[in-house]
Amino acid sequence: MKTLSILFSIASFTFAHPKPTKPLSWTLTPTNSTQQFRGLSPVDEKVLWVSGTSGTILRTTNSGRTWVDVSPQFVSENASDFQFRDIQAFSKKNAVALSIGEGNLSRIYKTDNG
């Protein structure tokens, strides 16, 4: 019975995820940043936000041809302490980002003028 269950799982995965009929193509989209990215939120085909290490948030409004640093300004704190692990964008100006860390480093930031 266990063997039948395993075979059924393999068969369902194969049929549920068929190979594409032609090779997929990927395009590298340079951001000119040295930070590591953890979060990604597309709004539409032109607007995309990414979040990552050292308090970094970038946004493109032209499908990735250029990126703008829209990171929060950390006036009295070290930006490298903040690790943005998630971002949810709603438009080219509105987004929320989640920073993780111990104590006060865990925060949620919101922008309405991105």
N, C-alpha and C. Protein backbone atom coordinates (compact mmCIF):
# COMPACT_ATOMS: atom_id res chain seq x y z
N MET A 1 0.82 -1.19 0.00
CA MET A 1 0.00 0.00 0.00
C MET A 1 0.87 1.26 0.00
N LYS A 2 2.00 1.22 0.75
CA LYS A 2 2.91 2.36 0.80
C LYS A 2 3.51 2.63 -0.58
N THR A 3 3.86 1.55 -1.30
CA THR A 3 4.43 1.68 -2.64
C THR A 3 3.41 2.32 -3.58
N LEU A 4 2.17 1.92 -3.49
CA LEU A 4 1.11 2.48 -4.32
C LEU A 4 0.94 3.98 -4.04
N SER A 5 1.03 4.34 -2.78
CA SER A 5 0.91 5.75 -2.39
C SER A 5 2.05 6.58 -2.97
N ILE A 6 3.26 6.06 -2.93
CA ILE A 6 4.42 6.76 -3.48
C ILE A 6 4.29 6.90 -4.99
N LEU A 7 3.88 5.85 -5.67
CA LEU A 7 3.70 5.91 -7.13
C LEU A 7 2.63 6.93 -7.51
N PHE A 8 1.55 6.95 -6.74
CA PHE A 8 0.49 7.91 -7.01
C PHE A 8 1.00 9.34 -6.84
N SER A 9 1.81 9.57 -5.81
CA SER A 9 2.37 10.91 -5.58
C SER A 9 3.27 11.33 -6.73
N ILE A 10 4.12 10.44 -7.19
CA ILE A 10 5.02 10.75 -8.30
C ILE A 10 4.23 11.02 -9.57
N ALA A 11 3.23 10.20 -9.84
CA ALA A 11 2.42 10.37 -11.04
C ALA A 11 1.66 11.69 -11.00
N SER A 12 1.09 12.04 -9.86
CA SER A 12 0.33 13.28 -9.78
C SER A 12 1.24 14.49 -9.93
N PHE A 13 2.46 14.43 -9.40
CA PHE A 13 3.39 15.54 -9.55
C PHE A 13 3.79 15.69 -11.02
N THR A 14 4.02 14.59 -11.70
CA THR A 14 4.41 14.62 -13.11
C THR A 14 3.33 15.23 -13.97
N PHE A 15 2.09 14.85 -13.73
CA PHE A 15 0.99 15.37 -14.54
C PHE A 15 0.61 16.79 -14.14
N ALA A 16 0.76 17.13 -12.88
CA ALA A 16 0.40 18.46 -12.42
C ALA A 16 1.44 19.50 -12.82
N HIS A 17 2.68 19.07 -13.08
CA HIS A 17 3.76 19.99 -13.43
C HIS A 17 4.45 19.52 -14.71
N PRO A 18 3.75 19.60 -15.84
CA PRO A 18 4.38 19.15 -17.09
C PRO A 18 5.52 20.09 -17.48
N LYS A 19 6.46 19.55 -18.25
CA LYS A 19 7.56 20.37 -18.74
C LYS A 19 7.03 21.35 -19.78
N PRO A 20 7.62 22.56 -19.81
CA PRO A 20 7.19 23.53 -20.82
C PRO A 20 7.49 23.02 -22.22
N THR A 21 6.68 23.45 -23.18
CA THR A 21 6.86 23.01 -24.56
C THR A 21 8.09 23.64 -25.21
N LYS A 22 8.50 24.82 -24.75
CA LYS A 22 9.73 25.43 -25.25
C LYS A 22 10.52 25.92 -24.04
N PRO A 23 11.84 26.06 -24.18
CA PRO A 23 12.67 26.46 -23.05
C PRO A 23 12.25 27.83 -22.49
N LEU A 24 12.30 27.95 -21.18
CA LEU A 24 12.01 29.23 -20.55
C LEU A 24 13.21 30.15 -20.71
N SER A 25 12.94 31.44 -20.80
CA SER A 25 14.04 32.39 -20.90
C SER A 25 14.04 33.29 -19.67
N TRP A 26 15.23 33.63 -19.23
CA TRP A 26 15.42 34.49 -18.07
C TRP A 26 16.30 35.65 -18.48
N THR A 27 16.03 36.81 -17.92
CA THR A 27 16.83 37.99 -18.17
C THR A 27 17.35 38.52 -16.84
N LEU A 28 18.64 38.74 -16.73
CA LEU A 28 19.23 39.31 -15.54
C LEU A 28 18.86 40.78 -15.46
N THR A 29 18.38 41.21 -14.30
CA THR A 29 17.98 42.59 -14.10
C THR A 29 18.88 43.21 -13.04
N PRO A 30 19.99 43.84 -13.45
CA PRO A 30 20.92 44.42 -12.47
C PRO A 30 20.28 45.55 -11.67
N THR A 31 20.55 45.57 -10.37
CA THR A 31 20.03 46.62 -9.50
C THR A 31 21.12 47.61 -9.08
N ASN A 32 22.36 47.28 -9.38
CA ASN A 32 23.52 48.10 -8.97
C ASN A 32 23.61 48.22 -7.45
N SER A 33 23.17 47.19 -6.76
CA SER A 33 23.26 47.15 -5.30
C SER A 33 24.08 45.93 -4.89
N THR A 34 24.80 46.04 -3.80
CA THR A 34 25.58 44.91 -3.31
C THR A 34 24.84 44.17 -2.19
N GLN A 35 23.63 44.61 -1.87
CA GLN A 35 22.86 43.98 -0.79
C GLN A 35 22.23 42.67 -1.24
N GLN A 36 21.90 41.83 -0.27
CA GLN A 36 21.19 40.58 -0.55
C GLN A 36 19.70 40.85 -0.42
N PHE A 37 18.92 40.40 -1.38
CA PHE A 37 17.48 40.65 -1.35
C PHE A 37 16.73 39.45 -0.81
N ARG A 38 15.70 39.74 -0.02
CA ARG A 38 14.89 38.71 0.61
C ARG A 38 13.42 38.82 0.22
N GLY A 39 12.98 40.03 -0.08
CA GLY A 39 11.57 40.25 -0.39
C GLY A 39 11.40 40.77 -1.81
N LEU A 40 10.28 40.42 -2.40
CA LEU A 40 9.97 40.81 -3.77
C LEU A 40 8.47 41.01 -3.88
N SER A 41 8.05 42.15 -4.44
CA SER A 41 6.63 42.40 -4.60
C SER A 41 6.36 43.14 -5.91
N PRO A 42 5.88 42.42 -6.93
CA PRO A 42 5.49 43.09 -8.17
C PRO A 42 4.11 43.72 -8.02
N VAL A 43 3.95 44.91 -8.56
CA VAL A 43 2.65 45.58 -8.58
C VAL A 43 1.98 45.34 -9.93
N ASP A 44 2.75 45.52 -10.98
CA ASP A 44 2.28 45.26 -12.34
C ASP A 44 3.50 44.96 -13.20
N GLU A 45 3.38 45.04 -14.51
CA GLU A 45 4.50 44.67 -15.37
C GLU A 45 5.64 45.69 -15.33
N LYS A 46 5.41 46.89 -14.78
CA LYS A 46 6.45 47.91 -14.73
C LYS A 46 6.96 48.19 -13.32
N VAL A 47 6.09 48.08 -12.32
CA VAL A 47 6.45 48.46 -10.95
C VAL A 47 6.76 47.22 -10.12
N LEU A 48 7.95 47.25 -9.49
CA LEU A 48 8.41 46.13 -8.67
C LEU A 48 9.23 46.69 -7.51
N TRP A 49 9.03 46.12 -6.33
CA TRP A 49 9.78 46.51 -5.13
C TRP A 49 10.58 45.31 -4.65
N VAL A 50 11.79 45.54 -4.12
CA VAL A 50 12.59 44.49 -3.47
C VAL A 50 13.09 45.03 -2.14
N SER A 51 13.27 44.11 -1.19
CA SER A 51 13.78 44.49 0.13
C SER A 51 14.89 43.54 0.52
N GLY A 52 15.80 44.01 1.38
CA GLY A 52 16.91 43.14 1.74
C GLY A 52 17.73 43.62 2.92
N THR A 53 19.00 43.26 2.88
CA THR A 53 19.90 43.51 4.00
C THR A 53 20.28 44.99 4.10
N SER A 54 20.79 45.35 5.26
CA SER A 54 21.25 46.72 5.54
C SER A 54 20.16 47.76 5.32
N GLY A 55 18.93 47.40 5.63
CA GLY A 55 17.82 48.34 5.53
C GLY A 55 17.50 48.80 4.12
N THR A 56 17.80 47.96 3.14
CA THR A 56 17.66 48.35 1.73
C THR A 56 16.29 48.01 1.15
N ILE A 57 15.68 49.01 0.51
CA ILE A 57 14.46 48.82 -0.28
C ILE A 57 14.67 49.55 -1.60
N LEU A 58 14.49 48.83 -2.70
CA LEU A 58 14.61 49.41 -4.03
C LEU A 58 13.27 49.29 -4.76
N ARG A 59 13.05 50.21 -5.71
CA ARG A 59 11.84 50.18 -6.52
C ARG A 59 12.18 50.52 -7.97
N THR A 60 11.53 49.80 -8.87
CA THR A 60 11.62 50.15 -10.29
C THR A 60 10.22 50.49 -10.79
N THR A 61 10.14 51.43 -11.70
CA THR A 61 8.86 51.77 -12.33
C THR A 61 8.93 51.59 -13.84
N ASN A 62 10.03 50.95 -14.30
CA ASN A 62 10.20 50.75 -15.74
C ASN A 62 10.67 49.32 -16.05
N SER A 63 10.06 48.38 -15.37
CA SER A 63 10.31 46.95 -15.60
C SER A 63 11.75 46.52 -15.30
N GLY A 64 12.42 47.24 -14.40
CA GLY A 64 13.76 46.84 -13.99
C GLY A 64 14.90 47.47 -14.75
N ARG A 65 14.61 48.37 -15.68
CA ARG A 65 15.71 49.02 -16.41
C ARG A 65 16.54 49.89 -15.46
N THR A 66 15.86 50.58 -14.54
CA THR A 66 16.55 51.38 -13.52
C THR A 66 15.87 51.14 -12.18
N TRP A 67 16.66 51.28 -11.12
CA TRP A 67 16.17 51.07 -9.75
C TRP A 67 16.47 52.31 -8.91
N VAL A 68 15.54 52.65 -8.02
CA VAL A 68 15.69 53.80 -7.12
C VAL A 68 15.73 53.28 -5.69
N ASP A 69 16.67 53.78 -4.91
CA ASP A 69 16.75 53.43 -3.50
C ASP A 69 15.70 54.24 -2.75
N VAL A 70 14.69 53.56 -2.22
CA VAL A 70 13.62 54.20 -1.46
C VAL A 70 13.62 53.70 -0.01
N SER A 71 14.81 53.34 0.47
CA SER A 71 14.97 52.82 1.82
C SER A 71 14.57 53.86 2.87
N PRO A 72 14.04 53.40 4.00
CA PRO A 72 13.77 54.34 5.10
C PRO A 72 15.05 55.02 5.56
N GLN A 73 14.93 56.23 6.03
CA GLN A 73 16.07 56.96 6.57
C GLN A 73 16.19 56.63 8.06
N PHE A 74 17.30 56.07 8.46
CA PHE A 74 17.55 55.71 9.85
C PHE A 74 18.40 56.82 10.47
N VAL A 75 17.77 57.80 11.08
CA VAL A 75 18.45 58.99 11.57
C VAL A 75 19.45 58.66 12.69
N SER A 76 18.99 57.97 13.72
CA SER A 76 19.87 57.73 14.87
C SER A 76 20.26 56.26 15.01
N GLU A 77 20.05 55.49 13.96
CA GLU A 77 20.33 54.05 14.03
C GLU A 77 21.22 53.63 12.87
N ASN A 78 21.85 52.49 13.01
CA ASN A 78 22.72 51.95 11.97
C ASN A 78 21.87 51.14 10.99
N ALA A 79 21.80 51.57 9.75
CA ALA A 79 20.98 50.89 8.74
C ALA A 79 21.37 49.43 8.55
N SER A 80 22.65 49.10 8.76
CA SER A 80 23.09 47.72 8.55
C SER A 80 22.49 46.76 9.56
N ASP A 81 21.90 47.29 10.64
CA ASP A 81 21.23 46.43 11.62
C ASP A 81 19.89 45.91 11.12
N PHE A 82 19.31 46.54 10.13
CA PHE A 82 17.96 46.20 9.69
C PHE A 82 17.97 45.25 8.50
N GLN A 83 17.22 44.18 8.63
CA GLN A 83 17.12 43.15 7.61
C GLN A 83 15.67 43.06 7.16
N PHE A 84 15.37 43.63 6.01
CA PHE A 84 14.00 43.57 5.49
C PHE A 84 13.78 42.23 4.81
N ARG A 85 12.95 41.41 5.40
CA ARG A 85 12.71 40.06 4.91
C ARG A 85 11.47 39.93 4.05
N ASP A 86 10.60 40.93 4.10
CA ASP A 86 9.37 40.85 3.32
C ASP A 86 8.94 42.26 2.95
N ILE A 87 8.31 42.35 1.79
CA ILE A 87 7.73 43.62 1.36
C ILE A 87 6.45 43.33 0.59
N GLN A 88 5.45 44.16 0.81
CA GLN A 88 4.20 44.05 0.07
C GLN A 88 3.90 45.42 -0.51
N ALA A 89 3.90 45.51 -1.82
CA ALA A 89 3.64 46.78 -2.50
C ALA A 89 2.22 46.78 -3.05
N PHE A 90 1.61 47.97 -3.01
CA PHE A 90 0.24 48.13 -3.49
C PHE A 90 0.17 49.03 -4.70
N SER A 91 1.19 49.87 -4.86
CA SER A 91 1.27 50.77 -6.01
C SER A 91 2.71 51.26 -6.11
N LYS A 92 2.98 52.22 -7.01
CA LYS A 92 4.34 52.71 -7.11
C LYS A 92 4.71 53.62 -5.95
N LYS A 93 3.76 53.99 -5.12
CA LYS A 93 4.02 54.86 -3.97
C LYS A 93 3.74 54.19 -2.62
N ASN A 94 2.95 53.11 -2.59
CA ASN A 94 2.49 52.50 -1.34
C ASN A 94 3.06 51.11 -1.14
N ALA A 95 3.68 50.91 0.03
CA ALA A 95 4.21 49.58 0.36
C ALA A 95 4.39 49.47 1.87
N VAL A 96 4.46 48.24 2.36
CA VAL A 96 4.83 47.96 3.74
C VAL A 96 5.99 46.96 3.70
N ALA A 97 6.93 47.12 4.64
CA ALA A 97 8.10 46.25 4.69
C ALA A 97 8.30 45.75 6.12
N LEU A 98 8.73 44.51 6.24
CA LEU A 98 8.95 43.87 7.53
C LEU A 98 10.44 43.69 7.78
N SER A 99 10.91 44.25 8.89
CA SER A 99 12.28 44.06 9.33
C SER A 99 12.28 43.04 10.46
N ILE A 100 13.25 42.12 10.43
CA ILE A 100 13.33 41.12 11.49
C ILE A 100 14.58 41.34 12.31
N GLY A 101 14.54 40.85 13.53
CA GLY A 101 15.68 40.97 14.41
C GLY A 101 15.21 40.89 15.84
N GLU A 102 16.15 40.97 16.74
CA GLU A 102 15.80 40.89 18.16
C GLU A 102 15.31 42.24 18.66
N GLY A 103 14.31 42.18 19.53
CA GLY A 103 13.80 43.38 20.17
C GLY A 103 13.31 44.42 19.19
N ASN A 104 13.87 45.62 19.32
CA ASN A 104 13.43 46.77 18.54
C ASN A 104 13.77 46.68 17.05
N LEU A 105 14.57 45.70 16.65
CA LEU A 105 14.90 45.54 15.24
C LEU A 105 13.76 44.92 14.43
N SER A 106 12.81 44.32 15.12
CA SER A 106 11.61 43.79 14.44
C SER A 106 10.60 44.92 14.32
N ARG A 107 10.37 45.33 13.09
CA ARG A 107 9.50 46.48 12.83
C ARG A 107 8.75 46.29 11.53
N ILE A 108 7.68 47.07 11.40
CA ILE A 108 6.96 47.16 10.13
C ILE A 108 6.98 48.63 9.72
N TYR A 109 7.47 48.87 8.52
CA TYR A 109 7.51 50.22 7.97
C TYR A 109 6.45 50.34 6.87
N LYS A 110 5.84 51.52 6.76
CA LYS A 110 4.83 51.78 5.74
C LYS A 110 5.19 53.07 5.03
N THR A 111 5.03 53.10 3.72
CA THR A 111 5.23 54.33 2.97
C THR A 111 4.01 54.59 2.09
N ASP A 112 3.64 55.88 2.00
CA ASP A 112 2.57 56.31 1.10
C ASP A 112 3.11 57.25 0.05
N ASN A 113 4.42 57.50 0.10
CA ASN A 113 5.04 58.39 -0.90
C ASN A 113 6.33 57.79 -1.46
N GLY A 114 6.44 56.45 -1.42
CA GLY A 114 7.56 55.64 -1.87
C GLY A 114 8.49 56.34 -2.75
